[in-house]
Each structure stands twice: as structure tokens, then as C-alpha cells.
């Protein structure tokens, strides 16, 4: 029996609802494969500000550092989003958590599902068979660069985009290693015709590529990449990019799956790893039991795969999600309202499918 400790940071809005279903599926895996997962809950985001005044309290950081992996929901609350003068914000907790835990590599798979092709605004022929992964640098760039601020008269503002070769190197090697296990193709997305940081990225990645001669490396400006993701997403295998570009193009890519609620992600560091759906807190849906839990459930599959090296168990979750979609099971964002199920019902069925499949294979 494998025993693992998982920190649960449900967060705000729909975060607690979708995280609950992901835990339900992890428990189904534990029961089916003979593992023991121990969970410890901790506060983050607006929920943490309300309780402690800090969006990432020291107690939460301690729990995260002691855990074998972290399952995260979402953060954000309208009372902070709609108040530009707020001194403390939920997002500050997310950025600080990434920095303090050294979560430098964000991994976001983008995949199309045949049963959901019709709900995407893109042409079915263009997106059918899409399967690529984005490696986004997570702790550098314009989101963290100094100096930043406003002029004394408030008429101008400035942010700095800063990168070092070390930062570029550590995520690039992970991306190349992933490409070696996939279709051996890596695309660096940058803006090297304009930005000095992008030129450093391109130079550094070219040097690193020499250590991975089996991987074909190409380059694409971010504006062209954004267009290509819509026109021909099957062009991509592994995409490597900096923080802000990765933030934007992965949200753009969510239209391929048909809903933000479908996509999982992993944030990897040297000693910690965190797993979360890419969607936000969606406060309008909070408490209504209508949020799509599949992104959170697939994040749990990534947790098993990346953090615990439980590949068979991760595949069990992925197969259960696929089979649920084949049954046309889903929340209102992916199926007709007349057929839509609740967040809880979707989680229940996927957990049931995990157990059924494990029982048949036993």
C-alpha cells in the first residue's frame, strides 16, 4: 500500500465544489488500487483573507511544503476584483505561493474530445485529434519583474519583464524531456523580433536543443502562434513559452475542448508540485452545483502521474472521464440543458466508472 499526503487548497467560488469531486475520484483510485491518501485542508485566496488577512498564510505554506502534492481549486472574489484600490488581493496569494514553493513549470495539456467537437466555436475538422501540451514558465517575467509601479502624479504606470538564463534553462529542459516522450517536436513561442527577453529565450533554447538532438525545434512569434492555435492546433506537440504568453494562449486554447471547465494543469517545482483546473473561481456559479468538475478531476489524474508516478491510476481517471463523455454526461457548459447533470452527479459517475473498470480488470 502506498501512503501519500495531499494538501487540499479549495479556495474561492466554485473551487470547493470542483475540488470535492476531484477528491472523490482520488478516493475511488485509492479504494481500487490499494493506496491511502491523507488529506489536509488549508486556506488560500479570498477565503484566507477573510479568515486571516493574508491570501497565503504561513500555516498554508507549511502544509503545502509538508505534503507530497497539492490539489488546488481556484481563487478570486468580486469584492476584490471590483475594487482596484484593494491593498490585499487573492491573486497575490497565488503568485506568492508559486514563488515560495518554487513552482516554475506550468504544464497544460490541450486535447479535443470527439463527443464535444460540436460545442467548440471552431470547425470540427480543424480541431479533431488535437493533442498538445504547453510548458509555461511560471515564476518569472512581467508578473514578477521589478521595478513596477505608478508615477507620482498617477498618469503613467510601468512593469518590468525580467528573465535569467537559469529560469529559462530549468523549464526548457522539462519541455524537451516531455517532447522526447511524445512526438519529438518542440515549438518555442516568443516575440524575439521586439523583446530583449524573448531574444534571450531563443538564444538559450537553441543552446539547450543541442542536448536533445532527437527533438525537432522550431520557433513562432506569439501573435502567429495565437492564430495557428485557432486555425490548425494539430500543428503543435510541445509548446514552450514565457509566463504571460503562456497565460494567454492556454486560455485561448480552451475553446478547442469547448469549455474552460475541461482543462487541467500541473505546476511543477524541484520539491513541490501543485495541480489545478485552469478555470477561475466563477463566482456567478458558486453554490449552484452547476460547475464542470472535469478539469479538476483531470488535474487529480495529473497529480497521480507527475507527483506519484502512478501512471495506471492516472489512466484510470482519464478513461473514466472519456467514458463519461461518451455517455453524454456533463454539466450545462458541455451538454444540452435538458440533459445536464449537477457537479455532484458528474463526480459521482466518474468515480463509479473508475471503480467499475478496476473491478473488471481485477
Protein backbone atom coordinates (compact mmCIF):
# COMPACT_ATOMS: atom_id res chain seq x y z
CA UNK A 1 0.00 0.00 0.00
CA UNK A 2 1.26 3.44 -0.95
CA UNK A 3 0.57 6.21 1.56
CA UNK A 4 0.60 9.81 0.33
CA UNK A 5 -0.19 13.17 1.91
CA UNK A 6 -2.17 15.63 -0.26
CA UNK A 7 -2.76 19.27 0.66
CA UNK A 8 -6.21 20.48 -0.37
CA UNK A 9 -6.47 24.19 -1.18
CA UNK A 10 -10.06 24.52 -2.36
CA UNK A 11 -10.01 28.32 -2.44
CA UNK A 12 -12.89 30.51 -3.59
CA UNK A 13 -16.02 30.46 -5.72
CA UNK A 14 -16.53 27.10 -7.41
CA UNK A 15 -13.14 25.91 -6.16
CA UNK A 16 -14.52 23.94 -3.18
CA UNK A 17 -17.23 22.31 -5.33
CA UNK A 18 -14.97 21.01 -8.11
CA UNK A 19 -12.18 20.06 -5.69
CA UNK A 20 -14.62 17.92 -3.73
CA UNK A 21 -15.35 15.89 -6.88
CA UNK A 22 -11.64 15.52 -7.65
CA UNK A 23 -11.06 14.15 -4.14
CA UNK A 24 -13.98 11.78 -4.68
CA UNK A 25 -12.18 10.39 -7.74
CA UNK A 26 -8.87 10.15 -5.87
CA UNK A 27 -10.68 8.14 -3.20
CA UNK A 28 -12.05 5.85 -5.90
CA UNK A 29 -8.49 5.29 -7.11
CA UNK A 30 -7.26 4.65 -3.56
CA UNK A 31 -10.01 2.06 -2.99
CA UNK A 32 -9.46 0.38 -6.35
CA UNK A 33 -5.67 0.25 -6.35
CA UNK A 34 -4.93 -0.20 -2.65
CA UNK A 35 -3.48 3.21 -1.82
CA UNK A 36 -4.02 5.52 1.13
CA UNK A 37 -4.36 9.25 0.50
CA UNK A 38 -4.42 11.50 3.56
CA UNK A 39 -5.77 14.99 3.01
CA UNK A 40 -5.07 18.21 4.87
CA UNK A 41 -7.13 21.29 4.04
CA UNK A 42 -5.71 24.81 4.04
CA UNK A 43 -6.89 28.33 3.27
CA UNK A 44 -5.89 30.42 0.25
CA UNK A 45 -7.21 33.42 -1.66
CA UNK A 46 -10.22 35.44 -0.56
CA UNK A 47 -11.21 32.75 1.93
CA UNK A 48 -7.80 33.15 3.58
CA UNK A 49 -8.00 36.96 3.57
CA UNK A 50 -11.41 36.82 5.25
CA UNK A 51 -10.08 34.45 7.91
CA UNK A 52 -6.51 35.70 8.46
CA UNK A 53 -5.97 38.88 6.42
CA UNK A 54 -3.37 37.06 4.31
CA UNK A 55 -4.13 35.37 0.93
CA UNK A 56 -1.36 32.79 1.51
CA UNK A 57 -0.95 32.33 5.28
CA UNK A 58 2.18 30.84 6.81
CA UNK A 59 0.12 27.87 8.03
CA UNK A 60 -0.94 27.11 4.47
CA UNK A 61 2.63 27.34 3.21
CA UNK A 62 3.73 24.90 5.91
CA UNK A 63 1.02 22.39 4.96
CA UNK A 64 1.99 22.69 1.29
CA UNK A 65 5.68 22.10 1.98
CA UNK A 66 4.95 19.04 4.12
CA UNK A 67 2.62 17.47 1.54
CA UNK A 68 3.60 15.06 -1.22
CA UNK A 69 1.40 17.04 -3.64
CA UNK A 70 -1.10 19.90 -3.65
CA UNK A 71 -4.61 19.88 -5.15
CA UNK A 72 -5.83 23.42 -5.74
CA UNK A 73 -9.27 24.75 -6.70
CA UNK A 74 -9.49 28.41 -7.68
CA UNK A 75 -9.14 31.89 -6.21
CA UNK A 76 -10.89 35.20 -6.74
CA UNK A 77 -13.82 37.14 -5.35
CA UNK A 78 -15.81 40.05 -6.86
CA UNK A 79 -15.35 42.18 -3.76
CA UNK A 80 -11.64 42.31 -4.59
CA UNK A 81 -11.91 42.13 -8.38
CA UNK A 82 -14.18 45.19 -8.42
CA UNK A 83 -12.04 47.22 -6.03
CA UNK A 84 -8.88 48.49 -7.75
CA UNK A 85 -7.78 50.19 -4.52
CA UNK A 86 -7.70 46.93 -2.51
CA UNK A 87 -4.28 46.60 -0.89
CA UNK A 88 -4.54 42.83 -0.39
CA UNK A 89 -5.83 40.63 -3.22
CA UNK A 90 -6.45 36.89 -3.61
CA UNK A 91 -4.16 36.78 -6.67
CA UNK A 92 -1.24 37.95 -4.52
CA UNK A 93 -1.55 34.69 -2.62
CA UNK A 94 -1.38 32.66 -5.82
CA UNK A 95 1.73 34.46 -7.09
CA UNK A 96 3.42 34.21 -3.70
CA UNK A 97 2.60 30.53 -3.44
CA UNK A 98 4.16 29.85 -6.85
CA UNK A 99 7.26 31.80 -5.91
CA UNK A 100 7.69 30.45 -2.37
CA UNK A 101 7.14 26.84 -3.44
CA UNK A 102 9.37 27.23 -6.50
CA UNK A 103 6.63 26.14 -8.92
CA UNK A 104 8.47 27.23 -12.06
CA UNK A 105 6.90 24.96 -14.71
CA UNK A 106 3.21 25.11 -15.57
CA UNK A 107 2.09 22.18 -17.72
CA UNK A 108 -1.23 22.48 -19.54
CA UNK A 109 -2.40 19.70 -21.87
CA UNK A 110 -4.83 20.71 -24.62
CA UNK A 111 -6.96 17.93 -26.03
CA UNK A 112 -10.11 17.64 -28.11
CA UNK A 113 -12.83 15.09 -27.37
CA UNK A 114 -14.90 13.75 -30.26
CA UNK A 115 -18.12 13.97 -28.23
CA UNK A 116 -17.52 17.68 -27.57
CA UNK A 117 -16.33 18.82 -31.01
CA UNK A 118 -19.75 20.30 -31.75
CA UNK A 119 -19.69 22.68 -28.78
CA UNK A 120 -16.44 24.35 -29.81
CA UNK A 121 -16.84 27.54 -31.88
CA UNK A 122 -14.05 26.22 -34.13
CA UNK A 123 -14.51 23.97 -37.17
CA UNK A 124 -14.70 20.32 -36.16
CA UNK A 125 -12.36 19.23 -38.96
CA UNK A 126 -9.68 21.64 -37.69
CA UNK A 127 -9.71 20.56 -34.05
CA UNK A 128 -10.49 16.82 -34.24
CA UNK A 129 -7.45 14.91 -32.99
CA UNK A 130 -5.82 17.89 -31.23
CA UNK A 131 -3.37 16.79 -28.55
CA UNK A 132 -0.59 19.13 -27.47
CA UNK A 133 0.88 20.38 -24.21
CA UNK A 134 2.05 23.84 -23.18
CA UNK A 135 5.02 24.35 -20.85
CA UNK A 136 4.64 27.84 -19.39
CA UNK A 137 7.34 29.40 -17.21
CA UNK A 138 5.56 30.38 -14.02
CA UNK A 139 7.75 32.34 -11.61
CA UNK A 140 9.47 34.95 -13.81
CA UNK A 141 8.62 37.53 -16.43
CA UNK A 142 6.37 40.55 -16.24
CA UNK A 143 4.18 39.16 -13.44
CA UNK A 144 7.16 39.19 -11.08
CA UNK A 145 9.55 41.74 -12.61
CA UNK A 146 10.89 44.72 -10.69
CA UNK A 147 10.72 47.69 -10.79
CA UNK A 148 7.00 48.22 -11.22
CA UNK A 149 4.66 50.95 -10.13
CA UNK A 150 2.98 54.27 -10.87
CA UNK A 151 4.34 57.74 -11.35
CA UNK A 152 3.86 60.25 -8.55
CA UNK A 153 1.09 62.03 -10.44
CA UNK A 154 -0.60 58.73 -11.28
CA UNK A 155 -0.60 59.44 -15.01
CA UNK A 156 1.73 56.60 -16.02
CA UNK A 157 2.42 53.05 -14.85
CA UNK A 158 5.22 50.61 -15.57
CA UNK A 159 6.00 46.90 -15.27
CA UNK A 160 9.30 45.14 -15.93
CA UNK A 161 9.74 41.83 -17.77
CA UNK A 162 12.86 40.12 -16.45
CA UNK A 163 14.29 36.67 -17.25
CA UNK A 164 17.56 34.91 -16.49
CA UNK A 165 19.20 32.06 -18.39
CA UNK A 166 18.78 29.89 -15.29
CA UNK A 167 15.00 30.39 -15.28
CA UNK A 168 14.76 29.63 -18.98
CA UNK A 169 17.01 26.59 -18.69
CA UNK A 170 15.10 24.81 -15.93
CA UNK A 171 11.72 24.83 -17.69
CA UNK A 172 13.16 24.29 -21.17
CA UNK A 173 14.75 21.01 -20.16
CA UNK A 174 11.42 19.75 -18.79
CA UNK A 175 9.76 20.68 -22.09
CA UNK A 176 12.43 18.91 -24.16
CA UNK A 177 12.13 15.82 -21.95
CA UNK A 178 8.36 15.81 -22.49
CA UNK A 179 8.85 16.15 -26.25
CA UNK A 180 11.12 13.10 -26.22
CA UNK A 181 8.25 11.06 -24.79
CA UNK A 182 5.72 12.44 -27.28
CA UNK A 183 6.19 13.25 -30.98
CA UNK A 184 9.66 14.77 -30.61
CA UNK A 185 8.67 18.26 -31.70
CA UNK A 186 9.01 21.45 -29.64
CA UNK A 187 7.86 24.96 -30.58
CA UNK A 188 9.24 27.97 -28.71
CA UNK A 189 6.66 30.77 -28.67
CA UNK A 190 8.19 34.22 -28.18
CA UNK A 191 8.34 37.77 -29.54
CA UNK A 192 12.04 37.84 -30.41
CA UNK A 193 11.55 40.44 -33.14
CA UNK A 194 10.60 43.00 -30.48
CA UNK A 195 11.56 41.90 -26.95
CA UNK A 196 15.06 41.52 -25.48
CA UNK A 197 13.79 38.85 -23.06
CA UNK A 198 12.45 36.83 -25.99
CA UNK A 199 15.81 37.03 -27.72
CA UNK A 200 17.43 35.63 -24.56
CA UNK A 201 14.84 32.83 -24.57
CA UNK A 202 15.58 32.00 -28.19
CA UNK A 203 19.37 32.00 -27.73
CA UNK A 204 19.19 29.88 -24.58
CA UNK A 205 16.74 27.35 -26.00
CA UNK A 206 18.86 26.95 -29.15
CA UNK A 207 21.84 26.08 -26.95
CA UNK A 208 19.83 23.60 -24.87
CA UNK A 209 18.46 21.94 -28.02
CA UNK A 210 21.93 20.59 -28.77
CA UNK A 211 21.48 18.21 -25.81
CA UNK A 212 18.27 16.85 -27.36
CA UNK A 213 19.18 16.06 -30.98
CA UNK A 214 16.16 13.77 -31.37
CA UNK A 215 13.74 16.70 -30.81
CA UNK A 216 12.88 18.98 -33.75
CA UNK A 217 12.88 22.61 -32.57
CA UNK A 218 11.03 25.44 -34.29
CA UNK A 219 10.13 29.00 -33.35
CA UNK A 220 6.94 31.02 -33.64
CA UNK A 221 6.07 34.58 -32.68
CA UNK A 222 3.25 34.67 -30.14
CA UNK A 223 0.80 36.51 -32.41
CA UNK A 224 1.30 33.89 -35.13
CA UNK A 225 1.01 31.10 -32.55
CA UNK A 226 -2.29 32.54 -31.29
CA UNK A 227 -3.64 32.43 -34.85
CA UNK A 228 -2.26 28.95 -35.52
CA UNK A 229 -3.90 27.53 -32.37
CA UNK A 230 -7.26 28.51 -33.87
CA UNK A 231 -6.52 27.59 -37.50
CA UNK A 232 -4.55 24.36 -37.07
CA UNK A 233 -3.94 23.28 -33.46
CA UNK A 234 -2.74 19.85 -34.65
CA UNK A 235 0.45 21.62 -35.80
CA UNK A 236 1.67 21.63 -32.19
CA UNK A 237 3.11 18.89 -29.99
CA UNK A 238 5.01 20.58 -27.12
CA UNK A 239 4.84 24.36 -26.80
CA UNK A 240 7.38 26.19 -24.62
CA UNK A 241 6.83 29.81 -23.65
CA UNK A 242 7.21 32.53 -21.03
CA UNK A 243 4.77 33.44 -18.27
CA UNK A 244 2.37 35.98 -19.78
CA UNK A 245 2.31 34.48 -23.28
CA UNK A 246 1.56 31.07 -21.77
CA UNK A 247 -1.22 32.51 -19.62
CA UNK A 248 -2.95 33.96 -22.67
CA UNK A 249 -2.54 31.19 -25.24
CA UNK A 250 -3.62 28.40 -22.88
CA UNK A 251 -6.86 30.20 -22.07
CA UNK A 252 -7.33 30.74 -25.81
CA UNK A 253 -6.74 27.03 -26.40
CA UNK A 254 -9.60 26.15 -24.05
CA UNK A 255 -12.07 26.78 -26.90
CA UNK A 256 -10.70 23.61 -28.54
CA UNK A 257 -12.07 21.48 -25.71
CA UNK A 258 -15.26 23.51 -25.75
CA UNK A 259 -15.12 24.75 -22.17
CA UNK A 260 -12.64 26.17 -19.68
CA UNK A 261 -14.04 23.61 -17.27
CA UNK A 262 -12.43 20.75 -19.21
CA UNK A 263 -8.75 21.60 -18.89
CA UNK A 264 -6.35 20.55 -16.09
CA UNK A 265 -2.86 21.79 -15.28
CA UNK A 266 0.22 20.97 -13.24
CA UNK A 267 2.67 23.40 -11.66
CA UNK A 268 5.97 21.67 -11.01
CA UNK A 269 8.94 22.66 -8.86
CA UNK A 270 12.04 20.99 -7.50
CA UNK A 271 10.39 19.90 -4.24
CA UNK A 272 6.68 20.76 -4.57
CA UNK A 273 4.01 20.18 -7.20
CA UNK A 274 0.52 21.64 -7.48
CA UNK A 275 -2.42 20.59 -9.64
CA UNK A 276 -5.42 22.71 -10.60
CA UNK A 277 -8.07 23.24 -13.29
CA UNK A 278 -7.23 26.23 -15.49
CA UNK A 279 -10.56 27.99 -14.88
CA UNK A 280 -11.07 30.74 -12.35
CA UNK A 281 -13.36 30.92 -9.36
CA UNK A 282 -16.50 31.65 -11.48
CA UNK A 283 -18.33 33.29 -8.56
CA UNK A 284 -21.58 33.60 -10.53
CA UNK A 285 -21.94 29.81 -10.42
CA UNK A 286 -20.72 29.26 -6.86
CA UNK A 287 -23.10 27.25 -4.70
CA UNK A 288 -25.37 26.27 -7.61
CA UNK A 289 -23.89 22.81 -8.21
CA UNK A 290 -23.51 23.50 -11.95
CA UNK A 291 -19.73 23.95 -12.29
CA UNK A 292 -17.86 21.49 -14.50
CA UNK A 293 -15.60 19.35 -12.27
CA UNK A 294 -13.79 17.56 -15.12
CA UNK A 295 -10.85 19.99 -15.22
CA UNK A 296 -10.33 19.42 -11.50
CA UNK A 297 -10.75 15.65 -11.87
CA UNK A 298 -8.21 15.52 -14.71
CA UNK A 299 -5.90 17.64 -12.53
CA UNK A 300 -6.12 14.84 -9.97
CA UNK A 301 -5.06 12.44 -12.74
CA UNK A 302 -2.05 14.67 -13.47
CA UNK A 303 -1.25 14.65 -9.74
CA UNK A 304 -1.12 10.86 -9.75
CA UNK A 305 1.02 10.85 -12.87
CA UNK A 306 3.51 13.65 -12.20
CA UNK A 307 3.76 13.64 -8.39
CA UNK A 308 3.31 9.94 -7.54
CA UNK A 309 4.35 8.19 -10.76
CA UNK A 310 1.05 6.30 -10.65
CA UNK A 311 0.56 6.08 -14.40
CA UNK A 312 -2.01 3.28 -14.40
CA UNK A 313 -4.09 5.07 -11.78
CA UNK A 314 -3.95 8.34 -13.72
CA UNK A 315 -5.05 6.50 -16.83
CA UNK A 316 -7.99 5.05 -14.90
CA UNK A 317 -9.27 8.57 -14.21
CA UNK A 318 -8.66 9.70 -17.80
CA UNK A 319 -10.51 6.66 -19.16
CA UNK A 320 -13.40 7.24 -16.76
CA UNK A 321 -13.70 10.85 -17.98
CA UNK A 322 -13.63 9.68 -21.60
CA UNK A 323 -16.33 7.08 -20.92
CA UNK A 324 -18.47 9.61 -19.07
CA UNK A 325 -18.29 11.96 -22.07
CA UNK A 326 -19.19 9.05 -24.37
CA UNK A 327 -22.31 8.63 -22.21
CA UNK A 328 -23.01 12.34 -22.85
CA UNK A 329 -22.64 13.03 -19.16
CA UNK A 330 -21.82 16.61 -18.31
CA UNK A 331 -22.69 19.92 -16.71
CA UNK A 332 -24.57 22.68 -18.58
CA UNK A 333 -21.42 24.11 -20.19
CA UNK A 334 -20.86 20.95 -22.28
CA UNK A 335 -24.26 19.27 -22.74
CA UNK A 336 -27.77 20.48 -23.55
CA UNK A 337 -29.53 21.94 -20.53
CA UNK A 338 -32.22 19.26 -20.73
CA UNK A 339 -29.57 16.55 -20.30
CA UNK A 340 -27.23 18.40 -17.95
CA UNK A 341 -26.20 16.86 -14.65
CA UNK A 342 -25.03 18.57 -11.49
CA UNK A 343 -21.41 18.94 -10.42
CA UNK A 344 -22.01 16.24 -7.82
CA UNK A 345 -23.66 13.83 -10.26
CA UNK A 346 -20.79 14.14 -12.73
CA UNK A 347 -18.26 13.46 -9.98
CA UNK A 348 -20.28 10.52 -8.68
CA UNK A 349 -20.47 8.90 -12.11
CA UNK A 350 -16.79 9.34 -12.93
CA UNK A 351 -15.82 7.87 -9.54
CA UNK A 352 -18.20 4.99 -10.21
CA UNK A 353 -16.62 4.37 -13.63
CA UNK A 354 -13.15 4.27 -12.05
CA UNK A 355 -14.30 1.55 -9.65
CA UNK A 356 -16.17 -0.37 -12.35
CA UNK A 357 -13.15 -0.51 -14.63
CA UNK A 358 -10.81 -1.51 -11.79
CA UNK A 359 -13.25 -4.25 -10.75
CA UNK A 360 -13.38 -5.66 -14.29
CA UNK A 361 -9.58 -5.60 -14.53
CA UNK A 362 -9.06 -7.26 -11.14
